[in-house]
Amino acid sequence: MSVISVQACFGRLVLDDRPQDARSALEAIETTGRETLVELRRMLGVLHDDTHDAGRAPAPKLADLNRLTERTRRPGLRIDLAVTGHVRPLPPGLEAAAYRIVQEALTNVVKHADASNAHVTVAYGPCELTLTVTDDGSIRPAPGRTGRGLPGMRERLALYGGILQAGPAATGGFRVRASIPVDGPQPSAAARERP
């Protein structure tokens, strides 16, 4: 919903002067809205009745990140995606959580950073999955408001014993880095946080 809100605001601002950019924003809103509705129906279906699996879309996976980065791009913001290491299937819940962490980090770039470039790296290590989202922008804090982005990421990571690092990057901009254990038992302790 954050992507929809940001794209709608952008589309309204450029509607008169840059109609093609407004059209691109509307297409992103349409695609994101459809996917969000499918996911909401799936979640409500699970809450309503576990016996009706037909028609439920699969949870998002890391393989869907190309579509996410395409949908999140806007004029003036380039988003690159790199995948390193031995790509392998992961538990569906972990894949969905990893996807959502990247999604929220990119939403924060669009909403809070005056960035022209963002870079997403998905690194498959032997014992962990590392997600890194960096941007080259300056931080535009929302006065008097604290969002749910970083706390939401920490909550998702807590389910898998992950570690979140978030803060200004050494080269400027902002960096979000999430490390999630992928082999062996998954600890249920709260996600640890590093400065």
N, C-alpha and C. Protein backbone atom coordinates (compact mmCIF):
# COMPACT_ATOMS: atom_id res chain seq x y z
N MET A 1 0.83 -1.20 0.00
CA MET A 1 0.00 0.00 0.00
C MET A 1 0.87 1.26 0.00
N SER A 2 2.05 1.17 0.61
CA SER A 2 2.94 2.34 0.60
C SER A 2 3.38 2.68 -0.81
N VAL A 3 3.70 1.64 -1.61
CA VAL A 3 4.11 1.88 -2.99
C VAL A 3 2.97 2.56 -3.75
N ILE A 4 1.74 2.09 -3.55
CA ILE A 4 0.59 2.69 -4.22
C ILE A 4 0.45 4.16 -3.83
N SER A 5 0.58 4.45 -2.55
CA SER A 5 0.44 5.82 -2.07
C SER A 5 1.51 6.73 -2.66
N VAL A 6 2.75 6.26 -2.66
CA VAL A 6 3.85 7.06 -3.18
C VAL A 6 3.69 7.30 -4.68
N GLN A 7 3.34 6.24 -5.42
CA GLN A 7 3.16 6.38 -6.86
C GLN A 7 1.99 7.32 -7.18
N ALA A 8 0.92 7.25 -6.40
CA ALA A 8 -0.23 8.13 -6.63
C ALA A 8 0.17 9.59 -6.41
N CYS A 9 0.92 9.84 -5.36
CA CYS A 9 1.38 11.21 -5.08
C CYS A 9 2.27 11.71 -6.21
N PHE A 10 3.20 10.87 -6.64
CA PHE A 10 4.09 11.25 -7.73
C PHE A 10 3.30 11.52 -9.01
N GLY A 11 2.34 10.63 -9.34
CA GLY A 11 1.53 10.80 -10.54
C GLY A 11 0.76 12.11 -10.52
N ARG A 12 0.21 12.46 -9.36
CA ARG A 12 -0.54 13.72 -9.23
C ARG A 12 0.37 14.92 -9.47
N LEU A 13 1.60 14.85 -8.97
CA LEU A 13 2.53 15.97 -9.11
C LEU A 13 2.97 16.19 -10.55
N VAL A 14 3.07 15.13 -11.35
CA VAL A 14 3.60 15.26 -12.71
C VAL A 14 2.52 15.18 -13.78
N LEU A 15 1.26 15.05 -13.40
CA LEU A 15 0.17 14.82 -14.34
C LEU A 15 0.12 15.85 -15.48
N ASP A 16 0.23 17.11 -15.16
CA ASP A 16 0.10 18.15 -16.18
C ASP A 16 1.36 18.32 -17.03
N ASP A 17 2.52 18.27 -16.39
CA ASP A 17 3.77 18.56 -17.10
C ASP A 17 4.40 17.33 -17.75
N ARG A 18 4.21 16.16 -17.15
CA ARG A 18 4.86 14.94 -17.65
C ARG A 18 3.85 13.80 -17.67
N PRO A 19 2.91 13.82 -18.60
CA PRO A 19 1.84 12.81 -18.61
C PRO A 19 2.35 11.38 -18.77
N GLN A 20 3.48 11.17 -19.46
CA GLN A 20 3.99 9.80 -19.61
C GLN A 20 4.46 9.25 -18.27
N ASP A 21 5.11 10.10 -17.46
CA ASP A 21 5.53 9.68 -16.13
C ASP A 21 4.31 9.39 -15.25
N ALA A 22 3.25 10.19 -15.40
CA ALA A 22 2.02 9.95 -14.64
C ALA A 22 1.40 8.63 -15.07
N ARG A 23 1.43 8.33 -16.37
CA ARG A 23 0.89 7.06 -16.87
C ARG A 23 1.67 5.88 -16.29
N SER A 24 3.01 6.01 -16.22
CA SER A 24 3.83 4.94 -15.62
C SER A 24 3.47 4.73 -14.15
N ALA A 25 3.25 5.83 -13.44
CA ALA A 25 2.86 5.72 -12.03
C ALA A 25 1.52 5.02 -11.89
N LEU A 26 0.57 5.34 -12.78
CA LEU A 26 -0.74 4.68 -12.73
C LEU A 26 -0.63 3.19 -13.04
N GLU A 27 0.25 2.83 -13.97
CA GLU A 27 0.46 1.40 -14.26
C GLU A 27 1.03 0.68 -13.05
N ALA A 28 1.98 1.32 -12.36
CA ALA A 28 2.54 0.71 -11.14
C ALA A 28 1.47 0.56 -10.06
N ILE A 29 0.60 1.56 -9.94
CA ILE A 29 -0.50 1.48 -8.97
C ILE A 29 -1.42 0.31 -9.31
N GLU A 30 -1.76 0.18 -10.58
CA GLU A 30 -2.66 -0.90 -11.01
C GLU A 30 -2.06 -2.27 -10.70
N THR A 31 -0.80 -2.48 -11.05
CA THR A 31 -0.15 -3.77 -10.82
C THR A 31 -0.03 -4.06 -9.33
N THR A 32 0.44 -3.09 -8.58
CA THR A 32 0.61 -3.28 -7.14
C THR A 32 -0.73 -3.51 -6.46
N GLY A 33 -1.76 -2.77 -6.87
CA GLY A 33 -3.09 -2.95 -6.30
C GLY A 33 -3.62 -4.35 -6.52
N ARG A 34 -3.47 -4.87 -7.74
CA ARG A 34 -3.93 -6.23 -8.02
C ARG A 34 -3.21 -7.25 -7.14
N GLU A 35 -1.87 -7.13 -7.06
CA GLU A 35 -1.10 -8.08 -6.26
C GLU A 35 -1.46 -7.98 -4.79
N THR A 36 -1.71 -6.78 -4.30
CA THR A 36 -2.08 -6.59 -2.90
C THR A 36 -3.44 -7.23 -2.61
N LEU A 37 -4.38 -7.06 -3.52
CA LEU A 37 -5.70 -7.68 -3.34
C LEU A 37 -5.61 -9.20 -3.31
N VAL A 38 -4.80 -9.77 -4.18
CA VAL A 38 -4.63 -11.22 -4.19
C VAL A 38 -4.07 -11.69 -2.86
N GLU A 39 -3.06 -10.96 -2.36
CA GLU A 39 -2.46 -11.36 -1.09
C GLU A 39 -3.43 -11.20 0.07
N LEU A 40 -4.20 -10.12 0.07
CA LEU A 40 -5.19 -9.93 1.13
C LEU A 40 -6.25 -11.03 1.10
N ARG A 41 -6.69 -11.38 -0.11
CA ARG A 41 -7.68 -12.48 -0.21
C ARG A 41 -7.10 -13.78 0.33
N ARG A 42 -5.84 -14.02 0.01
CA ARG A 42 -5.20 -15.24 0.51
C ARG A 42 -5.13 -15.23 2.03
N MET A 43 -4.72 -14.10 2.61
CA MET A 43 -4.62 -14.03 4.08
C MET A 43 -5.99 -14.16 4.72
N LEU A 44 -6.99 -13.48 4.17
CA LEU A 44 -8.33 -13.57 4.73
C LEU A 44 -8.89 -14.98 4.57
N GLY A 45 -8.53 -15.63 3.48
CA GLY A 45 -8.96 -17.02 3.29
C GLY A 45 -8.37 -17.94 4.33
N VAL A 46 -7.11 -17.71 4.68
CA VAL A 46 -6.48 -18.52 5.72
C VAL A 46 -7.17 -18.29 7.05
N LEU A 47 -7.48 -17.04 7.34
CA LEU A 47 -8.16 -16.73 8.60
C LEU A 47 -9.59 -17.27 8.63
N HIS A 48 -10.24 -17.26 7.47
CA HIS A 48 -11.64 -17.66 7.41
C HIS A 48 -11.81 -19.17 7.40
N ASP A 49 -11.04 -19.85 6.55
CA ASP A 49 -11.26 -21.28 6.40
C ASP A 49 -10.03 -21.93 5.79
N ASP A 50 -9.38 -22.79 6.52
CA ASP A 50 -8.17 -23.45 6.02
C ASP A 50 -8.46 -24.53 5.00
N THR A 51 -9.70 -24.86 4.73
CA THR A 51 -10.00 -25.97 3.83
C THR A 51 -10.15 -25.53 2.38
N HIS A 52 -10.16 -24.26 2.09
CA HIS A 52 -10.35 -23.79 0.72
C HIS A 52 -9.04 -23.22 0.19
N ASP A 53 -8.24 -24.06 -0.48
CA ASP A 53 -6.96 -23.62 -1.01
C ASP A 53 -7.06 -23.11 -2.44
N ALA A 54 -8.14 -23.40 -3.13
CA ALA A 54 -8.25 -23.04 -4.53
C ALA A 54 -8.28 -21.53 -4.69
N GLY A 55 -7.57 -21.05 -5.69
CA GLY A 55 -7.61 -19.63 -6.01
C GLY A 55 -6.65 -18.77 -5.20
N ARG A 56 -5.92 -19.36 -4.27
CA ARG A 56 -4.97 -18.58 -3.50
C ARG A 56 -3.67 -18.45 -4.27
N ALA A 57 -3.19 -17.25 -4.40
CA ALA A 57 -1.92 -17.04 -5.09
C ALA A 57 -0.79 -17.43 -4.15
N PRO A 58 0.31 -17.88 -4.72
CA PRO A 58 1.45 -18.25 -3.86
C PRO A 58 2.04 -17.01 -3.19
N ALA A 59 2.68 -17.24 -2.06
CA ALA A 59 3.35 -16.14 -1.36
C ALA A 59 4.49 -15.63 -2.24
N PRO A 60 4.85 -14.35 -2.10
CA PRO A 60 5.94 -13.82 -2.92
C PRO A 60 7.25 -14.53 -2.58
N LYS A 61 8.11 -14.61 -3.59
CA LYS A 61 9.41 -15.28 -3.44
C LYS A 61 10.51 -14.33 -3.89
N LEU A 62 11.74 -14.71 -3.58
CA LEU A 62 12.87 -13.89 -3.99
C LEU A 62 12.96 -13.80 -5.52
N ALA A 63 12.48 -14.82 -6.21
CA ALA A 63 12.48 -14.77 -7.68
C ALA A 63 11.57 -13.67 -8.20
N ASP A 64 10.68 -13.15 -7.37
CA ASP A 64 9.77 -12.06 -7.78
C ASP A 64 10.37 -10.67 -7.59
N LEU A 65 11.62 -10.59 -7.12
CA LEU A 65 12.22 -9.28 -6.85
C LEU A 65 12.44 -8.46 -8.11
N ASN A 66 12.67 -9.12 -9.26
CA ASN A 66 12.80 -8.34 -10.51
C ASN A 66 11.54 -7.53 -10.77
N ARG A 67 10.39 -8.16 -10.61
CA ARG A 67 9.12 -7.44 -10.81
C ARG A 67 8.95 -6.33 -9.79
N LEU A 68 9.34 -6.61 -8.55
CA LEU A 68 9.23 -5.59 -7.50
C LEU A 68 10.08 -4.37 -7.84
N THR A 69 11.32 -4.58 -8.25
CA THR A 69 12.18 -3.44 -8.56
C THR A 69 11.65 -2.66 -9.76
N GLU A 70 11.13 -3.37 -10.76
CA GLU A 70 10.54 -2.68 -11.92
C GLU A 70 9.34 -1.83 -11.51
N ARG A 71 8.52 -2.38 -10.64
CA ARG A 71 7.30 -1.70 -10.22
C ARG A 71 7.60 -0.50 -9.32
N THR A 72 8.70 -0.57 -8.57
CA THR A 72 9.03 0.48 -7.61
C THR A 72 9.79 1.63 -8.25
N ARG A 73 10.45 1.36 -9.38
CA ARG A 73 11.18 2.43 -10.07
C ARG A 73 10.25 3.58 -10.39
N ARG A 74 10.83 4.75 -10.41
CA ARG A 74 10.12 5.93 -10.86
C ARG A 74 11.13 6.80 -11.60
N PRO A 75 10.68 7.74 -12.41
CA PRO A 75 11.63 8.60 -13.10
C PRO A 75 12.56 9.27 -12.09
N GLY A 76 13.84 9.23 -12.38
CA GLY A 76 14.83 9.82 -11.48
C GLY A 76 15.35 8.85 -10.44
N LEU A 77 14.81 7.64 -10.36
CA LEU A 77 15.30 6.64 -9.41
C LEU A 77 15.59 5.35 -10.15
N ARG A 78 16.85 4.98 -10.20
CA ARG A 78 17.27 3.73 -10.81
C ARG A 78 17.46 2.70 -9.71
N ILE A 79 16.94 1.49 -9.91
CA ILE A 79 17.08 0.42 -8.93
C ILE A 79 17.73 -0.77 -9.62
N ASP A 80 18.88 -1.19 -9.10
CA ASP A 80 19.60 -2.35 -9.62
C ASP A 80 19.42 -3.52 -8.65
N LEU A 81 19.40 -4.72 -9.21
CA LEU A 81 19.28 -5.95 -8.41
C LEU A 81 20.41 -6.88 -8.77
N ALA A 82 21.12 -7.40 -7.77
CA ALA A 82 22.18 -8.38 -7.97
C ALA A 82 21.92 -9.57 -7.05
N VAL A 83 22.10 -10.76 -7.59
CA VAL A 83 21.96 -11.99 -6.81
C VAL A 83 23.29 -12.72 -6.88
N THR A 84 23.85 -13.06 -5.71
CA THR A 84 25.14 -13.74 -5.66
C THR A 84 25.01 -15.04 -4.87
N GLY A 85 25.99 -15.90 -5.05
CA GLY A 85 26.02 -17.16 -4.32
C GLY A 85 25.22 -18.23 -5.04
N HIS A 86 25.08 -19.36 -4.36
CA HIS A 86 24.36 -20.52 -4.91
C HIS A 86 22.87 -20.37 -4.62
N VAL A 87 22.11 -19.96 -5.65
CA VAL A 87 20.67 -19.76 -5.51
C VAL A 87 20.02 -21.12 -5.28
N ARG A 88 19.20 -21.23 -4.24
CA ARG A 88 18.55 -22.50 -3.92
C ARG A 88 17.20 -22.23 -3.28
N PRO A 89 16.31 -23.21 -3.34
CA PRO A 89 15.00 -23.02 -2.69
C PRO A 89 15.16 -22.86 -1.18
N LEU A 90 14.36 -21.99 -0.63
CA LEU A 90 14.33 -21.77 0.81
C LEU A 90 12.91 -22.02 1.29
N PRO A 91 12.71 -22.20 2.59
CA PRO A 91 11.34 -22.39 3.08
C PRO A 91 10.44 -21.23 2.64
N PRO A 92 9.20 -21.54 2.24
CA PRO A 92 8.31 -20.49 1.71
C PRO A 92 8.13 -19.30 2.64
N GLY A 93 8.00 -19.53 3.93
CA GLY A 93 7.82 -18.43 4.87
C GLY A 93 9.03 -17.52 4.92
N LEU A 94 10.21 -18.12 4.87
CA LEU A 94 11.44 -17.34 4.89
C LEU A 94 11.56 -16.52 3.60
N GLU A 95 11.23 -17.15 2.46
CA GLU A 95 11.28 -16.42 1.18
C GLU A 95 10.32 -15.23 1.19
N ALA A 96 9.12 -15.46 1.70
CA ALA A 96 8.13 -14.36 1.75
C ALA A 96 8.62 -13.25 2.66
N ALA A 97 9.19 -13.60 3.82
CA ALA A 97 9.71 -12.59 4.75
C ALA A 97 10.84 -11.80 4.10
N ALA A 98 11.74 -12.50 3.41
CA ALA A 98 12.87 -11.83 2.75
C ALA A 98 12.36 -10.87 1.68
N TYR A 99 11.40 -11.30 0.90
CA TYR A 99 10.80 -10.44 -0.14
C TYR A 99 10.21 -9.19 0.51
N ARG A 100 9.46 -9.36 1.58
CA ARG A 100 8.81 -8.23 2.25
C ARG A 100 9.83 -7.26 2.84
N ILE A 101 10.95 -7.78 3.33
CA ILE A 101 12.00 -6.90 3.87
C ILE A 101 12.55 -6.02 2.76
N VAL A 102 12.85 -6.61 1.60
CA VAL A 102 13.35 -5.82 0.47
C VAL A 102 12.28 -4.82 0.03
N GLN A 103 11.03 -5.26 -0.02
CA GLN A 103 9.93 -4.38 -0.43
C GLN A 103 9.84 -3.17 0.49
N GLU A 104 9.90 -3.40 1.78
CA GLU A 104 9.79 -2.30 2.74
C GLU A 104 11.00 -1.37 2.64
N ALA A 105 12.19 -1.93 2.46
CA ALA A 105 13.39 -1.10 2.34
C ALA A 105 13.29 -0.21 1.10
N LEU A 106 12.81 -0.76 -0.02
CA LEU A 106 12.64 0.05 -1.24
C LEU A 106 11.56 1.10 -1.07
N THR A 107 10.50 0.75 -0.37
CA THR A 107 9.45 1.74 -0.09
C THR A 107 10.02 2.90 0.71
N ASN A 108 10.89 2.59 1.67
CA ASN A 108 11.52 3.64 2.46
C ASN A 108 12.42 4.52 1.60
N VAL A 109 13.11 3.91 0.62
CA VAL A 109 13.93 4.71 -0.29
C VAL A 109 13.05 5.70 -1.04
N VAL A 110 11.93 5.22 -1.57
CA VAL A 110 11.04 6.08 -2.35
C VAL A 110 10.43 7.18 -1.48
N LYS A 111 10.05 6.83 -0.26
CA LYS A 111 9.34 7.78 0.60
C LYS A 111 10.27 8.75 1.33
N HIS A 112 11.45 8.29 1.73
CA HIS A 112 12.25 9.06 2.68
C HIS A 112 13.61 9.51 2.17
N ALA A 113 14.03 9.07 1.00
CA ALA A 113 15.37 9.44 0.53
C ALA A 113 15.26 10.21 -0.78
N ASP A 114 16.04 11.21 -0.89
CA ASP A 114 16.13 11.94 -2.15
C ASP A 114 17.20 11.25 -2.99
N ALA A 115 16.91 10.02 -3.41
CA ALA A 115 17.91 9.17 -4.06
C ALA A 115 17.72 9.13 -5.56
N SER A 116 18.82 8.98 -6.28
CA SER A 116 18.75 8.75 -7.71
C SER A 116 19.11 7.30 -8.05
N ASN A 117 19.76 6.61 -7.12
CA ASN A 117 20.13 5.21 -7.32
C ASN A 117 19.88 4.40 -6.05
N ALA A 118 19.38 3.20 -6.24
CA ALA A 118 19.25 2.24 -5.15
C ALA A 118 19.78 0.91 -5.66
N HIS A 119 20.35 0.15 -4.77
CA HIS A 119 20.93 -1.14 -5.16
C HIS A 119 20.46 -2.21 -4.18
N VAL A 120 19.95 -3.30 -4.73
CA VAL A 120 19.50 -4.43 -3.92
C VAL A 120 20.44 -5.60 -4.20
N THR A 121 20.97 -6.19 -3.14
CA THR A 121 21.80 -7.39 -3.28
C THR A 121 21.19 -8.50 -2.45
N VAL A 122 21.01 -9.65 -3.08
CA VAL A 122 20.57 -10.87 -2.40
C VAL A 122 21.75 -11.83 -2.47
N ALA A 123 22.34 -12.13 -1.32
CA ALA A 123 23.52 -12.99 -1.27
C ALA A 123 23.20 -14.30 -0.56
N TYR A 124 23.30 -15.40 -1.31
CA TYR A 124 23.10 -16.72 -0.74
C TYR A 124 24.44 -17.22 -0.23
N GLY A 125 24.59 -17.31 1.08
CA GLY A 125 25.79 -17.87 1.67
C GLY A 125 25.53 -19.31 2.07
N PRO A 126 26.56 -20.02 2.54
CA PRO A 126 26.36 -21.42 2.92
C PRO A 126 25.39 -21.59 4.09
N CYS A 127 25.36 -20.63 5.00
CA CYS A 127 24.52 -20.76 6.19
C CYS A 127 23.60 -19.58 6.43
N GLU A 128 23.62 -18.59 5.53
CA GLU A 128 22.75 -17.44 5.73
C GLU A 128 22.39 -16.79 4.41
N LEU A 129 21.28 -16.09 4.44
CA LEU A 129 20.84 -15.26 3.33
C LEU A 129 21.02 -13.82 3.78
N THR A 130 21.68 -13.02 2.95
CA THR A 130 21.90 -11.62 3.30
C THR A 130 21.24 -10.73 2.26
N LEU A 131 20.42 -9.82 2.73
CA LEU A 131 19.71 -8.87 1.89
C LEU A 131 20.26 -7.48 2.20
N THR A 132 20.69 -6.77 1.17
CA THR A 132 21.21 -5.42 1.38
C THR A 132 20.53 -4.48 0.40
N VAL A 133 20.01 -3.38 0.93
CA VAL A 133 19.41 -2.34 0.10
C VAL A 133 20.10 -1.03 0.48
N THR A 134 20.75 -0.41 -0.51
CA THR A 134 21.44 0.85 -0.27
C THR A 134 20.91 1.89 -1.25
N ASP A 135 21.04 3.15 -0.86
CA ASP A 135 20.67 4.24 -1.77
C ASP A 135 21.70 5.34 -1.62
N ASP A 136 21.68 6.27 -2.57
CA ASP A 136 22.63 7.37 -2.56
C ASP A 136 21.98 8.70 -2.16
N GLY A 137 20.84 8.63 -1.53
CA GLY A 137 20.10 9.84 -1.21
C GLY A 137 20.42 10.40 0.16
N SER A 138 19.79 11.51 0.43
CA SER A 138 19.83 12.08 1.77
C SER A 138 18.52 11.73 2.45
N ILE A 139 18.55 11.59 3.74
CA ILE A 139 17.37 11.16 4.49
C ILE A 139 16.44 12.35 4.69
N ARG A 140 15.15 12.12 4.38
CA ARG A 140 14.12 13.14 4.61
C ARG A 140 13.18 12.60 5.68
N PRO A 141 13.48 12.85 6.95
CA PRO A 141 12.60 12.32 8.00
C PRO A 141 11.23 12.97 7.97
N ALA A 142 10.22 12.16 8.28
CA ALA A 142 8.87 12.70 8.40
C ALA A 142 8.74 13.31 9.79
N PRO A 143 8.52 14.63 9.89
CA PRO A 143 8.48 15.26 11.21
C PRO A 143 7.35 14.72 12.07
N GLY A 144 7.72 14.38 13.31
CA GLY A 144 6.72 13.96 14.28
C GLY A 144 6.12 12.59 14.04
N ARG A 145 6.69 11.82 13.09
CA ARG A 145 6.11 10.50 12.80
C ARG A 145 7.19 9.44 12.86
N THR A 146 6.85 8.32 13.43
CA THR A 146 7.72 7.16 13.36
C THR A 146 6.96 6.09 12.59
N GLY A 147 7.60 5.57 11.57
CA GLY A 147 6.93 4.60 10.71
C GLY A 147 7.02 3.19 11.25
N ARG A 148 6.45 2.27 10.50
CA ARG A 148 6.46 0.86 10.86
C ARG A 148 7.46 0.06 10.03
N GLY A 149 8.19 0.74 9.13
CA GLY A 149 9.10 0.04 8.22
C GLY A 149 10.16 -0.78 8.93
N LEU A 150 11.04 -0.12 9.66
CA LEU A 150 12.12 -0.84 10.34
C LEU A 150 11.60 -1.78 11.43
N PRO A 151 10.62 -1.36 12.26
CA PRO A 151 10.08 -2.32 13.23
C PRO A 151 9.46 -3.55 12.55
N GLY A 152 8.79 -3.34 11.41
CA GLY A 152 8.22 -4.47 10.68
C GLY A 152 9.29 -5.42 10.19
N MET A 153 10.41 -4.87 9.71
CA MET A 153 11.51 -5.73 9.27
C MET A 153 12.06 -6.53 10.45
N ARG A 154 12.23 -5.88 11.59
CA ARG A 154 12.74 -6.58 12.77
C ARG A 154 11.80 -7.71 13.20
N GLU A 155 10.48 -7.45 13.11
CA GLU A 155 9.52 -8.48 13.48
C GLU A 155 9.61 -9.68 12.54
N ARG A 156 9.74 -9.43 11.24
CA ARG A 156 9.88 -10.55 10.29
C ARG A 156 11.16 -11.33 10.56
N LEU A 157 12.24 -10.60 10.83
CA LEU A 157 13.52 -11.27 11.10
C LEU A 157 13.48 -12.07 12.40
N ALA A 158 12.73 -11.58 13.38
CA ALA A 158 12.65 -12.27 14.67
C ALA A 158 12.15 -13.70 14.50
N LEU A 159 11.29 -13.92 13.53
CA LEU A 159 10.77 -15.28 13.31
C LEU A 159 11.84 -16.25 12.86
N TYR A 160 12.93 -15.74 12.30
CA TYR A 160 13.98 -16.60 11.74
C TYR A 160 15.33 -16.40 12.39
N GLY A 161 15.38 -15.67 13.51
CA GLY A 161 16.64 -15.45 14.21
C GLY A 161 17.59 -14.55 13.44
N GLY A 162 17.06 -13.63 12.65
CA GLY A 162 17.88 -12.77 11.80
C GLY A 162 18.42 -11.55 12.51
N ILE A 163 19.32 -10.87 11.83
CA ILE A 163 19.98 -9.66 12.34
C ILE A 163 19.69 -8.53 11.37
N LEU A 164 19.32 -7.38 11.89
CA LEU A 164 19.07 -6.20 11.06
C LEU A 164 20.08 -5.12 11.39
N GLN A 165 20.68 -4.55 10.34
CA GLN A 165 21.51 -3.36 10.47
C GLN A 165 20.87 -2.30 9.58
N ALA A 166 20.63 -1.13 10.11
CA ALA A 166 20.03 -0.07 9.32
C ALA A 166 20.59 1.26 9.79
N GLY A 167 21.06 2.06 8.83
CA GLY A 167 21.58 3.36 9.18
C GLY A 167 22.31 3.98 8.01
N PRO A 168 22.89 5.15 8.24
CA PRO A 168 23.62 5.83 7.17
C PRO A 168 24.75 4.93 6.65
N ALA A 169 24.92 4.91 5.34
CA ALA A 169 25.99 4.13 4.72
C ALA A 169 27.29 4.92 4.78
N ALA A 170 28.40 4.21 4.80
CA ALA A 170 29.71 4.87 4.88
C ALA A 170 29.96 5.78 3.69
N THR A 171 29.41 5.44 2.54
CA THR A 171 29.62 6.22 1.32
C THR A 171 28.53 7.27 1.10
N GLY A 172 27.67 7.47 2.07
CA GLY A 172 26.54 8.38 1.93
C GLY A 172 25.27 7.59 1.68
N GLY A 173 24.14 8.22 1.80
CA GLY A 173 22.88 7.51 1.63
C GLY A 173 22.55 6.67 2.85
N PHE A 174 21.74 5.66 2.63
CA PHE A 174 21.24 4.81 3.72
C PHE A 174 21.41 3.35 3.32
N ARG A 175 21.62 2.50 4.31
CA ARG A 175 21.79 1.07 4.04
C ARG A 175 20.95 0.26 5.02
N VAL A 176 20.24 -0.73 4.47
CA VAL A 176 19.53 -1.73 5.27
C VAL A 176 20.16 -3.07 4.94
N ARG A 177 20.56 -3.79 5.97
CA ARG A 177 21.17 -5.11 5.76
C ARG A 177 20.52 -6.10 6.71
N ALA A 178 19.97 -7.17 6.14
CA ALA A 178 19.33 -8.22 6.94
C ALA A 178 20.04 -9.53 6.67
N SER A 179 20.44 -10.22 7.73
CA SER A 179 21.08 -11.53 7.62
C SER A 179 20.16 -12.54 8.28
N ILE A 180 19.86 -13.62 7.55
CA ILE A 180 18.93 -14.63 8.04
C ILE A 180 19.58 -16.00 7.95
N PRO A 181 19.68 -16.73 9.07
CA PRO A 181 20.20 -18.10 8.99
C PRO A 181 19.29 -18.95 8.10
N VAL A 182 19.90 -19.79 7.25
CA VAL A 182 19.08 -20.60 6.35
C VAL A 182 19.29 -22.09 6.51
N ASP A 183 20.30 -22.52 7.20
CA ASP A 183 20.52 -23.95 7.40
C ASP A 183 20.45 -24.28 8.88
N GLY A 184 20.02 -25.48 9.20
CA GLY A 184 19.93 -25.89 10.59
C GLY A 184 18.68 -25.33 11.24
N PRO A 185 18.51 -25.55 12.54
CA PRO A 185 17.30 -25.07 13.23
C PRO A 185 17.27 -23.55 13.25
N GLN A 186 16.08 -23.02 13.08
CA GLN A 186 15.89 -21.57 13.09
C GLN A 186 15.57 -21.13 14.51
N PRO A 187 16.43 -20.31 15.13
CA PRO A 187 16.13 -19.84 16.47
C PRO A 187 14.89 -18.98 16.49
N SER A 188 14.17 -19.02 17.61
CA SER A 188 12.95 -18.23 17.70
C SER A 188 13.15 -16.97 18.53
N ALA A 189 14.37 -16.70 18.95
CA ALA A 189 14.62 -15.49 19.74
C ALA A 189 14.38 -14.26 18.90
N ALA A 190 14.16 -13.16 19.58
CA ALA A 190 13.92 -11.90 18.85
C ALA A 190 15.13 -11.55 18.02
N ALA A 191 14.89 -10.87 16.92
CA ALA A 191 15.99 -10.47 16.04
C ALA A 191 16.95 -9.57 16.82
N ARG A 192 18.23 -9.83 16.62
CA ARG A 192 19.23 -8.97 17.25
C ARG A 192 19.49 -7.79 16.35
N GLU A 193 19.94 -6.73 16.95
CA GLU A 193 20.15 -5.50 16.18
C GLU A 193 21.56 -5.01 16.42
N ARG A 194 22.23 -4.62 15.34
CA ARG A 194 23.56 -4.06 15.46
C ARG A 194 23.49 -2.59 15.07
N PRO A 195 24.34 -1.78 15.68
CA PRO A 195 24.33 -0.36 15.30
C PRO A 195 24.86 -0.16 13.89
